[in-house]
PDB file of N, CA and C in Angstrom:
ATOM      1  N   MET A   1       0.844  -1.182   0.000  1.00  0.00           N
ATOM      2  CA  MET A   1       0.000   0.000   0.000  1.00  0.00           C
ATOM      3  C   MET A   1       0.887   1.242   0.000  1.00  0.00           C
ATOM      4  N   PHE A   2       0.396   2.277  -0.682  1.00  0.00           N
ATOM      5  CA  PHE A   2       1.041   3.576  -0.714  1.00  0.00           C
ATOM      6  C   PHE A   2       0.366   4.510   0.279  1.00  0.00           C
ATOM      7  N   SER A   3       1.151   5.366   0.909  1.00  0.00           N
ATOM      8  CA  SER A   3       0.614   6.471   1.704  1.00  0.00           C
ATOM      9  C   SER A   3       0.987   7.753   0.974  1.00  0.00           C
ATOM     10  N   VAL A   4      -0.021   8.517   0.587  1.00  0.00           N
ATOM     11  CA  VAL A   4       0.203   9.794  -0.082  1.00  0.00           C
ATOM     12  C   VAL A   4       0.034  10.888   0.963  1.00  0.00           C
ATOM     13  N   ILE A   5       1.121  11.613   1.221  1.00  0.00           N
ATOM     14  CA  ILE A   5       1.150  12.620   2.274  1.00  0.00           C
ATOM     15  C   ILE A   5       1.128  14.004   1.632  1.00  0.00           C
ATOM     16  N   ILE A   6       0.146  14.797   2.038  1.00  0.00           N
ATOM     17  CA  ILE A   6      -0.007  16.151   1.507  1.00  0.00           C
ATOM     18  C   ILE A   6       0.112  17.141   2.659  1.00  0.00           C
ATOM     19  N   PRO A   7       1.262  17.802   2.827  1.00  0.00           N
ATOM     20  CA  PRO A   7       1.378  18.842   3.849  1.00  0.00           C
ATOM     21  C   PRO A   7       0.677  20.105   3.348  1.00  0.00           C
ATOM     22  N   VAL A   8      -0.002  20.790   4.242  1.00  0.00           N
ATOM     23  CA  VAL A   8      -0.779  21.952   3.812  1.00  0.00           C
ATOM     24  C   VAL A   8      -0.771  23.037   4.886  1.00  0.00           C
ATOM     25  N   TYR A   9      -0.716  24.275   4.424  1.00  0.00           N
ATOM     26  CA  TYR A   9      -0.814  25.431   5.324  1.00  0.00           C
ATOM     27  C   TYR A   9      -1.595  26.525   4.596  1.00  0.00           C
ATOM     28  N   ASN A  10      -2.755  26.845   5.135  1.00  0.00           N
ATOM     29  CA  ASN A  10      -3.610  27.904   4.577  1.00  0.00           C
ATOM     30  C   ASN A  10      -3.838  27.738   3.078  1.00  0.00           C
ATOM     31  N   ARG A  11      -4.287  26.548   2.700  1.00  0.00           N
ATOM     32  CA  ARG A  11      -4.546  26.257   1.287  1.00  0.00           C
ATOM     33  C   ARG A  11      -5.965  25.735   1.078  1.00  0.00           C
ATOM     34  N   ARG A  12      -6.895  26.231   1.853  1.00  0.00           N
ATOM     35  CA  ARG A  12      -8.279  25.750   1.762  1.00  0.00           C
ATOM     36  C   ARG A  12      -8.794  25.759   0.320  1.00  0.00           C
ATOM     37  N   GLU A  13      -8.442  26.781  -0.438  1.00  0.00           N
ATOM     38  CA  GLU A  13      -8.959  26.915  -1.795  1.00  0.00           C
ATOM     39  C   GLU A  13      -8.255  26.024  -2.811  1.00  0.00           C
ATOM     40  N   LEU A  14      -7.072  25.492  -2.467  1.00  0.00           N
ATOM     41  CA  LEU A  14      -6.294  24.724  -3.440  1.00  0.00           C
ATOM     42  C   LEU A  14      -6.158  23.242  -3.139  1.00  0.00           C
ATOM     43  N   VAL A  15      -6.178  22.867  -1.878  1.00  0.00           N
ATOM     44  CA  VAL A  15      -5.849  21.489  -1.505  1.00  0.00           C
ATOM     45  C   VAL A  15      -6.834  20.472  -2.080  1.00  0.00           C
ATOM     46  N   SER A  16      -8.070  20.841  -2.277  1.00  0.00           N
ATOM     47  CA  SER A  16      -9.057  19.896  -2.816  1.00  0.00           C
ATOM     48  C   SER A  16      -8.640  19.359  -4.173  1.00  0.00           C
ATOM     49  N   ARG A  17      -8.044  20.194  -4.985  1.00  0.00           N
ATOM     50  CA  ARG A  17      -7.598  19.761  -6.307  1.00  0.00           C
ATOM     51  C   ARG A  17      -6.537  18.663  -6.185  1.00  0.00           C
ATOM     52  N   SER A  18      -5.613  18.841  -5.249  1.00  0.00           N
ATOM     53  CA  SER A  18      -4.570  17.836  -5.036  1.00  0.00           C
ATOM     54  C   SER A  18      -5.165  16.527  -4.550  1.00  0.00           C
ATOM     55  N   VAL A  19      -6.074  16.609  -3.590  1.00  0.00           N
ATOM     56  CA  VAL A  19      -6.701  15.397  -3.048  1.00  0.00           C
ATOM     57  C   VAL A  19      -7.493  14.674  -4.138  1.00  0.00           C
ATOM     58  N   ARG A  20      -8.256  15.430  -4.915  1.00  0.00           N
ATOM     59  CA  ARG A  20      -9.034  14.800  -5.996  1.00  0.00           C
ATOM     60  C   ARG A  20      -8.127  14.090  -7.000  1.00  0.00           C
ATOM     61  N   SER A  21      -6.957  14.663  -7.266  1.00  0.00           N
ATOM     62  CA  SER A  21      -6.051  14.030  -8.224  1.00  0.00           C
ATOM     63  C   SER A  21      -5.582  12.665  -7.722  1.00  0.00           C
ATOM     64  N   VAL A  22      -5.380  12.531  -6.423  1.00  0.00           N
ATOM     65  CA  VAL A  22      -4.979  11.237  -5.862  1.00  0.00           C
ATOM     66  C   VAL A  22      -6.155  10.271  -5.865  1.00  0.00           C
ATOM     67  N   LEU A  23      -7.300  10.739  -5.415  1.00  0.00           N
ATOM     68  CA  LEU A  23      -8.465   9.855  -5.322  1.00  0.00           C
ATOM     69  C   LEU A  23      -8.937   9.372  -6.687  1.00  0.00           C
ATOM     70  N   SER A  24      -8.576  10.064  -7.750  1.00  0.00           N
ATOM     71  CA  SER A  24      -9.005   9.657  -9.092  1.00  0.00           C
ATOM     72  C   SER A  24      -8.108   8.572  -9.691  1.00  0.00           C
ATOM     73  N   GLN A  25      -7.028   8.235  -9.026  1.00  0.00           N
ATOM     74  CA  GLN A  25      -6.126   7.204  -9.539  1.00  0.00           C
ATOM     75  C   GLN A  25      -6.801   5.833  -9.496  1.00  0.00           C
ATOM     76  N   ARG A  26      -6.491   5.025 -10.468  1.00  0.00           N
ATOM     77  CA  ARG A  26      -7.086   3.690 -10.578  1.00  0.00           C
ATOM     78  C   ARG A  26      -6.005   2.632 -10.397  1.00  0.00           C
ATOM     79  N   ILE A  27      -5.648   2.357  -9.157  1.00  0.00           N
ATOM     80  CA  ILE A  27      -4.600   1.355  -8.924  1.00  0.00           C
ATOM     81  C   ILE A  27      -5.082   0.223  -8.020  1.00  0.00           C
ATOM     82  N   GLY A  28      -6.368   0.104  -7.839  1.00  0.00           N
ATOM     83  CA  GLY A  28      -6.910  -0.993  -7.040  1.00  0.00           C
ATOM     84  C   GLY A  28      -7.429  -0.526  -5.691  1.00  0.00           C
ATOM     85  N   ASP A  29      -8.446  -1.193  -5.215  1.00  0.00           N
ATOM     86  CA  ASP A  29      -9.041  -0.855  -3.923  1.00  0.00           C
ATOM     87  C   ASP A  29      -8.042  -1.056  -2.794  1.00  0.00           C
ATOM     88  N   GLY A  30      -7.975  -0.109  -1.906  1.00  0.00           N
ATOM     89  CA  GLY A  30      -7.109  -0.219  -0.752  1.00  0.00           C
ATOM     90  C   GLY A  30      -5.637  -0.100  -1.075  1.00  0.00           C
ATOM     91  N   ALA A  31      -5.318   0.374  -2.274  1.00  0.00           N
ATOM     92  CA  ALA A  31      -3.924   0.447  -2.695  1.00  0.00           C
ATOM     93  C   ALA A  31      -3.210   1.674  -2.139  1.00  0.00           C
ATOM     94  N   PHE A  32      -3.970   2.659  -1.672  1.00  0.00           N
ATOM     95  CA  PHE A  32      -3.333   3.841  -1.115  1.00  0.00           C
ATOM     96  C   PHE A  32      -4.224   4.498  -0.074  1.00  0.00           C
ATOM     97  N   GLU A  33      -3.588   5.271   0.764  1.00  0.00           N
ATOM     98  CA  GLU A  33      -4.295   6.126   1.705  1.00  0.00           C
ATOM     99  C   GLU A  33      -3.831   7.554   1.445  1.00  0.00           C
ATOM    100  N   VAL A  34      -4.708   8.506   1.707  1.00  0.00           N
ATOM    101  CA  VAL A  34      -4.379   9.916   1.549  1.00  0.00           C
ATOM    102  C   VAL A  34      -4.354  10.539   2.934  1.00  0.00           C
ATOM    103  N   ILE A  35      -3.227  11.184   3.247  1.00  0.00           N
ATOM    104  CA  ILE A  35      -3.066  11.849   4.535  1.00  0.00           C
ATOM    105  C   ILE A  35      -2.798  13.330   4.274  1.00  0.00           C
ATOM    106  N   VAL A  36      -3.683  14.187   4.750  1.00  0.00           N
ATOM    107  CA  VAL A  36      -3.479  15.630   4.668  1.00  0.00           C
ATOM    108  C   VAL A  36      -3.014  16.089   6.046  1.00  0.00           C
ATOM    109  N   VAL A  37      -1.832  16.688   6.098  1.00  0.00           N
ATOM    110  CA  VAL A  37      -1.295  17.184   7.365  1.00  0.00           C
ATOM    111  C   VAL A  37      -1.434  18.695   7.361  1.00  0.00           C
ATOM    112  N   ASP A  38      -2.354  19.187   8.175  1.00  0.00           N
ATOM    113  CA  ASP A  38      -2.609  20.630   8.282  1.00  0.00           C
ATOM    114  C   ASP A  38      -1.641  21.225   9.292  1.00  0.00           C
ATOM    115  N   ASP A  39      -0.749  22.061   8.811  1.00  0.00           N
ATOM    116  CA  ASP A  39       0.312  22.656   9.621  1.00  0.00           C
ATOM    117  C   ASP A  39      -0.182  23.919  10.336  1.00  0.00           C
ATOM    118  N   ALA A  40      -1.222  23.757  11.159  1.00  0.00           N
ATOM    119  CA  ALA A  40      -1.797  24.842  11.960  1.00  0.00           C
ATOM    120  C   ALA A  40      -2.331  25.981  11.099  1.00  0.00           C
ATOM    121  N   SER A  41      -3.070  25.618  10.052  1.00  0.00           N
ATOM    122  CA  SER A  41      -3.677  26.640   9.182  1.00  0.00           C
ATOM    123  C   SER A  41      -4.636  27.521   9.956  1.00  0.00           C
ATOM    124  N   GLN A  42      -4.803  28.728   9.458  1.00  0.00           N
ATOM    125  CA  GLN A  42      -5.702  29.709  10.062  1.00  0.00           C
ATOM    126  C   GLN A  42      -6.971  29.918   9.243  1.00  0.00           C
ATOM    127  N   ASP A  43      -7.106  29.208   8.117  1.00  0.00           N
ATOM    128  CA  ASP A  43      -8.203  29.490   7.188  1.00  0.00           C
ATOM    129  C   ASP A  43      -9.257  28.389   7.091  1.00  0.00           C
ATOM    130  N   GLY A  44      -9.250  27.447   8.012  1.00  0.00           N
ATOM    131  CA  GLY A  44     -10.252  26.382   7.988  1.00  0.00           C
ATOM    132  C   GLY A  44      -9.955  25.260   7.008  1.00  0.00           C
ATOM    133  N   THR A  45      -8.693  25.089   6.651  1.00  0.00           N
ATOM    134  CA  THR A  45      -8.306  24.064   5.694  1.00  0.00           C
ATOM    135  C   THR A  45      -8.742  22.671   6.138  1.00  0.00           C
ATOM    136  N   ALA A  46      -8.429  22.287   7.365  1.00  0.00           N
ATOM    137  CA  ALA A  46      -8.748  20.936   7.846  1.00  0.00           C
ATOM    138  C   ALA A  46     -10.251  20.665   7.785  1.00  0.00           C
ATOM    139  N   GLU A  47     -11.050  21.621   8.208  1.00  0.00           N
ATOM    140  CA  GLU A  47     -12.502  21.447   8.193  1.00  0.00           C
ATOM    141  C   GLU A  47     -13.015  21.295   6.769  1.00  0.00           C
ATOM    142  N   ALA A  48     -12.459  22.073   5.843  1.00  0.00           N
ATOM    143  CA  ALA A  48     -12.888  22.002   4.445  1.00  0.00           C
ATOM    144  C   ALA A  48     -12.569  20.634   3.846  1.00  0.00           C
ATOM    145  N   VAL A  49     -11.393  20.093   4.157  1.00  0.00           N
ATOM    146  CA  VAL A  49     -11.022  18.768   3.640  1.00  0.00           C
ATOM    147  C   VAL A  49     -11.939  17.701   4.222  1.00  0.00           C
ATOM    148  N   ARG A  50     -12.189  17.761   5.507  1.00  0.00           N
ATOM    149  CA  ARG A  50     -13.091  16.780   6.132  1.00  0.00           C
ATOM    150  C   ARG A  50     -14.491  16.855   5.539  1.00  0.00           C
ATOM    151  N   ARG A  51     -14.975  18.070   5.340  1.00  0.00           N
ATOM    152  CA  ARG A  51     -16.330  18.260   4.811  1.00  0.00           C
ATOM    153  C   ARG A  51     -16.438  17.710   3.378  1.00  0.00           C
ATOM    154  N   GLU A  52     -15.423  17.948   2.565  1.00  0.00           N
ATOM    155  CA  GLU A  52     -15.501  17.524   1.168  1.00  0.00           C
ATOM    156  C   GLU A  52     -15.217  16.037   0.968  1.00  0.00           C
ATOM    157  N   PHE A  53     -14.277  15.476   1.730  1.00  0.00           N
ATOM    158  CA  PHE A  53     -13.822  14.114   1.439  1.00  0.00           C
ATOM    159  C   PHE A  53     -14.166  13.090   2.511  1.00  0.00           C
ATOM    160  N   GLY A  54     -14.596  13.514   3.667  1.00  0.00           N
ATOM    161  CA  GLY A  54     -15.000  12.595   4.718  1.00  0.00           C
ATOM    162  C   GLY A  54     -13.936  11.568   5.053  1.00  0.00           C
ATOM    163  N   ALA A  55     -14.356  10.327   5.156  1.00  0.00           N
ATOM    164  CA  ALA A  55     -13.460   9.249   5.575  1.00  0.00           C
ATOM    165  C   ALA A  55     -12.470   8.812   4.488  1.00  0.00           C
ATOM    166  N   SER A  56     -12.583   9.368   3.293  1.00  0.00           N
ATOM    167  CA  SER A  56     -11.651   9.022   2.214  1.00  0.00           C
ATOM    168  C   SER A  56     -10.248   9.551   2.466  1.00  0.00           C
ATOM    169  N   VAL A  57     -10.146  10.542   3.358  1.00  0.00           N
ATOM    170  CA  VAL A  57      -8.874  11.211   3.631  1.00  0.00           C
ATOM    171  C   VAL A  57      -8.664  11.286   5.132  1.00  0.00           C
ATOM    172  N   ARG A  58      -7.456  10.972   5.575  1.00  0.00           N
ATOM    173  CA  ARG A  58      -7.098  11.176   6.982  1.00  0.00           C
ATOM    174  C   ARG A  58      -6.531  12.583   7.117  1.00  0.00           C
ATOM    175  N   VAL A  59      -7.082  13.338   8.041  1.00  0.00           N
ATOM    176  CA  VAL A  59      -6.601  14.699   8.294  1.00  0.00           C
ATOM    177  C   VAL A  59      -5.912  14.710   9.646  1.00  0.00           C
ATOM    178  N   ILE A  60      -4.673  15.170   9.646  1.00  0.00           N
ATOM    179  CA  ILE A  60      -3.898  15.320  10.879  1.00  0.00           C
ATOM    180  C   ILE A  60      -3.674  16.812  11.074  1.00  0.00           C
ATOM    181  N   GLU A  61      -4.058  17.304  12.224  1.00  0.00           N
ATOM    182  CA  GLU A  61      -3.885  18.727  12.505  1.00  0.00           C
ATOM    183  C   GLU A  61      -2.740  18.943  13.482  1.00  0.00           C
ATOM    184  N   MET A  62      -1.807  19.782  13.086  1.00  0.00           N
ATOM    185  CA  MET A  62      -0.713  20.168  13.977  1.00  0.00           C
ATOM    186  C   MET A  62      -1.169  21.380  14.781  1.00  0.00           C
ATOM    187  N   GLN A  63      -0.804  21.425  16.030  1.00  0.00           N
ATOM    188  CA  GLN A  63      -1.225  22.524  16.899  1.00  0.00           C
ATOM    189  C   GLN A  63      -0.408  23.788  16.705  1.00  0.00           C
ATOM    190  N   GLU A  64       0.851  23.629  16.288  1.00  0.00           N
ATOM    191  CA  GLU A  64       1.725  24.775  16.028  1.00  0.00           C
ATOM    192  C   GLU A  64       2.333  24.622  14.651  1.00  0.00           C
ATOM    193  N   ASN A  65       2.492  25.735  13.965  1.00  0.00           N
ATOM    194  CA  ASN A  65       3.096  25.722  12.641  1.00  0.00           C
ATOM    195  C   ASN A  65       4.563  25.341  12.752  1.00  0.00           C
ATOM    196  N   GLY A  66       4.935  24.265  12.072  1.00  0.00           N
ATOM    197  CA  GLY A  66       6.310  23.790  12.137  1.00  0.00           C
ATOM    198  C   GLY A  66       7.020  23.811  10.798  1.00  0.00           C
ATOM    199  N   GLY A  67       6.302  24.184   9.753  1.00  0.00           N
ATOM    200  CA  GLY A  67       6.883  24.201   8.423  1.00  0.00           C
ATOM    201  C   GLY A  67       6.621  22.906   7.682  1.00  0.00           C
ATOM    202  N   VAL A  68       6.916  22.940   6.396  1.00  0.00           N
ATOM    203  CA  VAL A  68       6.581  21.823   5.524  1.00  0.00           C
ATOM    204  C   VAL A  68       7.313  20.533   5.915  1.00  0.00           C
ATOM    205  N   SER A  69       8.556  20.639   6.345  1.00  0.00           N
ATOM    206  CA  SER A  69       9.297  19.429   6.728  1.00  0.00           C
ATOM    207  C   SER A  69       8.690  18.770   7.957  1.00  0.00           C
ATOM    208  N   ALA A  70       8.309  19.565   8.932  1.00  0.00           N
ATOM    209  CA  ALA A  70       7.670  19.021  10.134  1.00  0.00           C
ATOM    210  C   ALA A  70       6.334  18.366   9.788  1.00  0.00           C
ATOM    211  N   ALA A  71       5.584  18.980   8.879  1.00  0.00           N
ATOM    212  CA  ALA A  71       4.300  18.405   8.468  1.00  0.00           C
ATOM    213  C   ALA A  71       4.512  17.080   7.736  1.00  0.00           C
ATOM    214  N   ARG A  72       5.497  17.035   6.850  1.00  0.00           N
ATOM    215  CA  ARG A  72       5.793  15.776   6.166  1.00  0.00           C
ATOM    216  C   ARG A  72       6.194  14.693   7.163  1.00  0.00           C
ATOM    217  N   ASN A  73       7.040  15.056   8.105  1.00  0.00           N
ATOM    218  CA  ASN A  73       7.480  14.077   9.110  1.00  0.00           C
ATOM    219  C   ASN A  73       6.319  13.564   9.940  1.00  0.00           C
ATOM    220  N   ARG A  74       5.372  14.430  10.287  1.00  0.00           N
ATOM    221  CA  ARG A  74       4.186  13.982  11.025  1.00  0.00           C
ATOM    222  C   ARG A  74       3.395  12.987  10.189  1.00  0.00           C
ATOM    223  N   GLY A  75       3.268  13.273   8.899  1.00  0.00           N
ATOM    224  CA  GLY A  75       2.582  12.342   8.009  1.00  0.00           C
ATOM    225  C   GLY A  75       3.288  11.002   7.931  1.00  0.00           C
ATOM    226  N   ILE A  76       4.614  11.032   7.854  1.00  0.00           N
ATOM    227  CA  ILE A  76       5.400   9.791   7.824  1.00  0.00           C
ATOM    228  C   ILE A  76       5.148   8.978   9.087  1.00  0.00           C
ATOM    229  N   ASP A  77       5.133   9.649  10.233  1.00  0.00           N
ATOM    230  CA  ASP A  77       4.898   8.965  11.511  1.00  0.00           C
ATOM    231  C   ASP A  77       3.557   8.251  11.546  1.00  0.00           C
ATOM    232  N   ARG A  78       2.558   8.822  10.886  1.00  0.00           N
ATOM    233  CA  ARG A  78       1.203   8.271  10.939  1.00  0.00           C
ATOM    234  C   ARG A  78       0.858   7.366   9.761  1.00  0.00           C
ATOM    235  N   ALA A  79       1.724   7.324   8.772  1.00  0.00           N
ATOM    236  CA  ALA A  79       1.446   6.546   7.557  1.00  0.00           C
ATOM    237  C   ALA A  79       1.382   5.055   7.860  1.00  0.00           C
ATOM    238  N   ARG A  80       0.498   4.378   7.155  1.00  0.00           N
ATOM    239  CA  ARG A  80       0.334   2.933   7.300  1.00  0.00           C
ATOM    240  C   ARG A  80       0.928   2.166   6.123  1.00  0.00           C
ATOM    241  N   GLY A  81       1.223   2.869   5.054  1.00  0.00           N
ATOM    242  CA  GLY A  81       1.698   2.218   3.839  1.00  0.00           C
ATOM    243  C   GLY A  81       3.154   1.812   3.901  1.00  0.00           C
ATOM    244  N   GLN A  82       3.483   0.854   3.060  1.00  0.00           N
ATOM    245  CA  GLN A  82       4.863   0.408   2.924  1.00  0.00           C
ATOM    246  C   GLN A  82       5.658   1.422   2.108  1.00  0.00           C
ATOM    247  N   TRP A  83       4.981   2.099   1.182  1.00  0.00           N
ATOM    248  CA  TRP A  83       5.610   3.073   0.302  1.00  0.00           C
ATOM    249  C   TRP A  83       5.019   4.442   0.591  1.00  0.00           C
ATOM    250  N   LEU A  84       5.858   5.483   0.515  1.00  0.00           N
ATOM    251  CA  LEU A  84       5.409   6.845   0.765  1.00  0.00           C
ATOM    252  C   LEU A  84       5.532   7.682  -0.497  1.00  0.00           C
ATOM    253  N   ALA A  85       4.541   8.534  -0.706  1.00  0.00           N
ATOM    254  CA  ALA A  85       4.574   9.499  -1.794  1.00  0.00           C
ATOM    255  C   ALA A  85       4.208  10.860  -1.209  1.00  0.00           C
ATOM    256  N   PHE A  86       4.834  11.900  -1.692  1.00  0.00           N
ATOM    257  CA  PHE A  86       4.582  13.247  -1.205  1.00  0.00           C
ATOM    258  C   PHE A  86       4.013  14.085  -2.333  1.00  0.00           C
ATOM    259  N   LEU A  87       3.004  14.864  -2.007  1.00  0.00           N
ATOM    260  CA  LEU A  87       2.351  15.705  -2.997  1.00  0.00           C
ATOM    261  C   LEU A  87       2.153  17.088  -2.386  1.00  0.00           C
ATOM    262  N   ASP A  88       2.526  18.121  -3.127  1.00  0.00           N
ATOM    263  CA  ASP A  88       2.286  19.477  -2.655  1.00  0.00           C
ATOM    264  C   ASP A  88       0.795  19.777  -2.669  1.00  0.00           C
ATOM    265  N   SER A  89       0.400  20.715  -1.835  1.00  0.00           N
ATOM    266  CA  SER A  89      -1.029  21.016  -1.678  1.00  0.00           C
ATOM    267  C   SER A  89      -1.593  21.864  -2.801  1.00  0.00           C
ATOM    268  N   ASP A  90      -0.756  22.366  -3.679  1.00  0.00           N
ATOM    269  CA  ASP A  90      -1.265  23.197  -4.770  1.00  0.00           C
ATOM    270  C   ASP A  90      -0.973  22.546  -6.096  1.00  0.00           C
TER     271      ASP A  90
END
């Protein structure tokens, strides 16, 4: 299984496009998980992702902004897949 990690900070208007691009892939049921790591956004990014994608996407919220590397590392820590892929939020 692949874990696709998308670090995000204040990208409520853009992150949906990235998530949809992953969810549209046809590589078999259960072949990947999508993890959006919200790096303490101020614009409601995490809520927007949950509202649009529900259980299709795991949302991890960081309490303090740590930067893109910290967000990626948090995603790595929580990933369940054997393989990791990283995708920018825009």
